[in-house]
Amino acid sequence: MIYRLTGNKVVGVKQTVKAIKNNRAKTVYIARNADDKLIQSVKAVIDDNSQEVIYVDTMKELGKLCGIDVGAATAAILKD
């Protein structure tokens, strides 16, 4: 079980898409209960760039993993 995402990261759909497009994302996390319309753009750029994707059960859980007090639909760990 993962308790906290370590390393440099970005949180949120816009920041995750930007990191993937700039080839800076190493691992992408997506909440399973996030609205499909919301994460559609992330899934589209993942298909084009082939990042490792890990699904987390809820947005609240992903937010906790990122160290924030609100839910998060997506997050990404950045390359060093």
N, C-alpha and C. Protein backbone atom coordinates (compact mmCIF):
# COMPACT_ATOMS: atom_id res chain seq x y z
N MET A 1 0.84 -1.20 0.00
CA MET A 1 0.00 0.00 0.00
C MET A 1 0.87 1.24 0.00
N ILE A 2 0.53 2.18 -0.84
CA ILE A 2 1.25 3.45 -0.90
C ILE A 2 0.64 4.39 0.13
N TYR A 3 1.48 5.07 0.90
CA TYR A 3 0.96 5.99 1.91
C TYR A 3 1.14 7.44 1.50
N ARG A 4 2.13 7.75 0.69
CA ARG A 4 2.37 9.12 0.25
C ARG A 4 3.20 9.06 -1.02
N LEU A 5 2.86 9.87 -1.98
CA LEU A 5 3.65 9.94 -3.20
C LEU A 5 4.91 10.75 -2.91
N THR A 6 6.05 10.17 -3.19
CA THR A 6 7.31 10.86 -2.89
C THR A 6 7.93 11.40 -4.16
N GLY A 7 8.77 12.38 -4.00
CA GLY A 7 9.44 13.00 -5.14
C GLY A 7 8.66 14.21 -5.63
N ASN A 8 9.19 14.81 -6.67
CA ASN A 8 8.52 15.97 -7.27
C ASN A 8 7.27 15.49 -7.98
N LYS A 9 6.18 16.22 -7.77
CA LYS A 9 4.91 15.81 -8.36
C LYS A 9 4.09 17.03 -8.75
N VAL A 10 3.11 16.77 -9.60
CA VAL A 10 2.10 17.77 -9.93
C VAL A 10 0.75 17.16 -9.64
N VAL A 11 -0.20 18.00 -9.28
CA VAL A 11 -1.53 17.53 -8.92
C VAL A 11 -2.56 18.29 -9.75
N GLY A 12 -3.53 17.56 -10.27
CA GLY A 12 -4.59 18.18 -11.06
C GLY A 12 -4.48 17.85 -12.53
N VAL A 13 -5.60 17.95 -13.21
CA VAL A 13 -5.68 17.56 -14.61
C VAL A 13 -4.79 18.43 -15.49
N LYS A 14 -4.89 19.74 -15.37
CA LYS A 14 -4.13 20.63 -16.24
C LYS A 14 -2.63 20.45 -16.06
N GLN A 15 -2.20 20.37 -14.81
CA GLN A 15 -0.77 20.22 -14.54
C GLN A 15 -0.26 18.85 -14.99
N THR A 16 -1.08 17.81 -14.84
CA THR A 16 -0.69 16.47 -15.27
C THR A 16 -0.55 16.41 -16.79
N VAL A 17 -1.51 16.98 -17.51
CA VAL A 17 -1.45 17.00 -18.98
C VAL A 17 -0.19 17.76 -19.43
N LYS A 18 0.08 18.87 -18.80
CA LYS A 18 1.25 19.68 -19.15
C LYS A 18 2.54 18.88 -18.92
N ALA A 19 2.63 18.17 -17.82
CA ALA A 19 3.82 17.38 -17.51
C ALA A 19 4.01 16.25 -18.52
N ILE A 20 2.91 15.60 -18.91
CA ILE A 20 2.99 14.51 -19.89
C ILE A 20 3.44 15.05 -21.25
N LYS A 21 2.82 16.16 -21.68
CA LYS A 21 3.17 16.73 -22.98
C LYS A 21 4.62 17.18 -23.04
N ASN A 22 5.16 17.64 -21.90
CA ASN A 22 6.55 18.10 -21.84
C ASN A 22 7.51 16.95 -21.55
N ASN A 23 6.99 15.72 -21.55
CA ASN A 23 7.79 14.51 -21.30
C ASN A 23 8.49 14.56 -19.94
N ARG A 24 7.81 15.09 -18.95
CA ARG A 24 8.37 15.18 -17.60
C ARG A 24 7.73 14.19 -16.64
N ALA A 25 6.60 13.59 -17.02
CA ALA A 25 5.89 12.68 -16.13
C ALA A 25 6.46 11.27 -16.22
N LYS A 26 6.77 10.70 -15.04
CA LYS A 26 7.27 9.33 -14.99
C LYS A 26 6.11 8.37 -14.74
N THR A 27 5.28 8.69 -13.74
CA THR A 27 4.14 7.85 -13.38
C THR A 27 2.92 8.74 -13.22
N VAL A 28 1.79 8.31 -13.78
CA VAL A 28 0.55 9.08 -13.69
C VAL A 28 -0.44 8.32 -12.82
N TYR A 29 -1.07 9.04 -11.89
CA TYR A 29 -2.08 8.47 -11.01
C TYR A 29 -3.43 9.05 -11.40
N ILE A 30 -4.43 8.18 -11.51
CA ILE A 30 -5.79 8.60 -11.87
C ILE A 30 -6.76 8.00 -10.87
N ALA A 31 -7.68 8.83 -10.36
CA ALA A 31 -8.72 8.35 -9.44
C ALA A 31 -9.81 7.66 -10.25
N ARG A 32 -10.19 6.47 -9.81
CA ARG A 32 -11.22 5.69 -10.52
C ARG A 32 -12.58 6.38 -10.51
N ASN A 33 -12.88 7.15 -9.46
CA ASN A 33 -14.20 7.76 -9.37
C ASN A 33 -14.24 9.17 -9.97
N ALA A 34 -13.16 9.58 -10.64
CA ALA A 34 -13.15 10.90 -11.28
C ALA A 34 -14.06 10.87 -12.51
N ASP A 35 -14.68 11.99 -12.79
CA ASP A 35 -15.58 12.12 -13.94
C ASP A 35 -14.81 11.87 -15.23
N ASP A 36 -15.35 11.01 -16.09
CA ASP A 36 -14.68 10.67 -17.34
C ASP A 36 -14.40 11.89 -18.21
N LYS A 37 -15.32 12.84 -18.23
CA LYS A 37 -15.10 14.06 -19.03
C LYS A 37 -13.88 14.81 -18.52
N LEU A 38 -13.67 14.76 -17.21
CA LEU A 38 -12.57 15.47 -16.58
C LEU A 38 -11.22 14.86 -16.94
N ILE A 39 -11.14 13.54 -16.92
CA ILE A 39 -9.85 12.88 -17.13
C ILE A 39 -9.62 12.42 -18.57
N GLN A 40 -10.56 12.70 -19.43
CA GLN A 40 -10.44 12.30 -20.84
C GLN A 40 -9.18 12.87 -21.48
N SER A 41 -8.85 14.12 -21.20
CA SER A 41 -7.67 14.75 -21.80
C SER A 41 -6.39 14.08 -21.31
N VAL A 42 -6.38 13.65 -20.05
CA VAL A 42 -5.20 12.97 -19.50
C VAL A 42 -5.02 11.62 -20.19
N LYS A 43 -6.11 10.87 -20.32
CA LYS A 43 -6.03 9.56 -20.96
C LYS A 43 -5.57 9.68 -22.41
N ALA A 44 -5.99 10.74 -23.10
CA ALA A 44 -5.62 10.93 -24.50
C ALA A 44 -4.11 11.15 -24.65
N VAL A 45 -3.53 11.97 -23.80
CA VAL A 45 -2.09 12.22 -23.92
C VAL A 45 -1.27 11.05 -23.37
N ILE A 46 -1.83 10.28 -22.45
CA ILE A 46 -1.13 9.08 -21.98
C ILE A 46 -1.00 8.09 -23.13
N ASP A 47 -2.07 7.90 -23.90
CA ASP A 47 -2.03 6.98 -25.03
C ASP A 47 -0.94 7.38 -26.03
N ASP A 48 -0.75 8.68 -26.20
CA ASP A 48 0.25 9.15 -27.15
C ASP A 48 1.68 9.02 -26.61
N ASN A 49 1.84 9.06 -25.28
CA ASN A 49 3.18 9.12 -24.69
C ASN A 49 3.57 7.91 -23.85
N SER A 50 2.67 6.97 -23.61
CA SER A 50 2.95 5.70 -22.95
C SER A 50 3.58 5.81 -21.56
N GLN A 51 2.99 6.58 -20.67
CA GLN A 51 3.46 6.63 -19.29
C GLN A 51 2.88 5.46 -18.51
N GLU A 52 3.54 5.14 -17.38
CA GLU A 52 2.99 4.15 -16.46
C GLU A 52 1.78 4.79 -15.78
N VAL A 53 0.68 4.05 -15.71
CA VAL A 53 -0.55 4.57 -15.10
C VAL A 53 -0.94 3.69 -13.92
N ILE A 54 -1.23 4.34 -12.80
CA ILE A 54 -1.70 3.65 -11.60
C ILE A 54 -3.04 4.23 -11.23
N TYR A 55 -4.02 3.36 -11.05
CA TYR A 55 -5.36 3.81 -10.68
C TYR A 55 -5.54 3.72 -9.16
N VAL A 56 -6.10 4.78 -8.60
CA VAL A 56 -6.39 4.86 -7.17
C VAL A 56 -7.91 4.86 -7.05
N ASP A 57 -8.44 4.24 -5.99
CA ASP A 57 -9.89 4.05 -5.87
C ASP A 57 -10.69 5.35 -5.87
N THR A 58 -10.27 6.33 -5.07
CA THR A 58 -11.09 7.55 -4.96
C THR A 58 -10.24 8.81 -5.10
N MET A 59 -10.91 9.90 -5.43
CA MET A 59 -10.25 11.19 -5.52
C MET A 59 -9.73 11.62 -4.15
N LYS A 60 -10.50 11.33 -3.12
CA LYS A 60 -10.09 11.69 -1.75
C LYS A 60 -8.79 10.97 -1.38
N GLU A 61 -8.72 9.69 -1.71
CA GLU A 61 -7.52 8.91 -1.42
C GLU A 61 -6.31 9.45 -2.18
N LEU A 62 -6.49 9.81 -3.44
CA LEU A 62 -5.39 10.36 -4.23
C LEU A 62 -4.94 11.70 -3.66
N GLY A 63 -5.90 12.52 -3.21
CA GLY A 63 -5.54 13.78 -2.56
C GLY A 63 -4.68 13.55 -1.33
N LYS A 64 -5.05 12.58 -0.51
CA LYS A 64 -4.26 12.26 0.69
C LYS A 64 -2.86 11.80 0.31
N LEU A 65 -2.77 10.97 -0.74
CA LEU A 65 -1.46 10.50 -1.19
C LEU A 65 -0.57 11.66 -1.62
N CYS A 66 -1.19 12.70 -2.14
CA CYS A 66 -0.46 13.88 -2.60
C CYS A 66 -0.17 14.87 -1.47
N GLY A 67 -0.74 14.61 -0.30
CA GLY A 67 -0.51 15.49 0.83
C GLY A 67 -1.38 16.73 0.83
N ILE A 68 -2.55 16.66 0.19
CA ILE A 68 -3.47 17.79 0.19
C ILE A 68 -4.77 17.39 0.86
N ASP A 69 -5.54 18.37 1.32
CA ASP A 69 -6.76 18.10 2.08
C ASP A 69 -8.01 17.98 1.22
N VAL A 70 -7.86 18.07 -0.08
CA VAL A 70 -9.00 17.93 -0.99
C VAL A 70 -8.73 16.79 -1.96
N GLY A 71 -9.77 16.37 -2.67
CA GLY A 71 -9.61 15.30 -3.63
C GLY A 71 -8.84 15.75 -4.86
N ALA A 72 -8.26 14.77 -5.55
CA ALA A 72 -7.54 15.05 -6.79
C ALA A 72 -7.93 14.00 -7.82
N ALA A 73 -8.25 14.45 -9.03
CA ALA A 73 -8.61 13.51 -10.09
C ALA A 73 -7.38 12.84 -10.67
N THR A 74 -6.30 13.60 -10.82
CA THR A 74 -5.06 13.06 -11.38
C THR A 74 -3.86 13.67 -10.67
N ALA A 75 -2.74 12.97 -10.77
CA ALA A 75 -1.46 13.48 -10.28
C ALA A 75 -0.38 12.77 -11.08
N ALA A 76 0.82 13.34 -11.07
CA ALA A 76 1.94 12.71 -11.77
C ALA A 76 3.22 12.90 -10.98
N ILE A 77 4.03 11.84 -10.93
CA ILE A 77 5.37 11.93 -10.37
C ILE A 77 6.27 12.33 -11.53
N LEU A 78 7.12 13.34 -11.28
CA LEU A 78 7.97 13.86 -12.34
C LEU A 78 9.31 13.13 -12.40
N LYS A 79 9.88 13.09 -13.59
CA LYS A 79 11.23 12.52 -13.77
C LYS A 79 12.23 13.40 -13.06
N ASP A 80 13.33 12.79 -12.64
CA ASP A 80 14.37 13.56 -11.94
C ASP A 80 15.10 14.52 -12.84
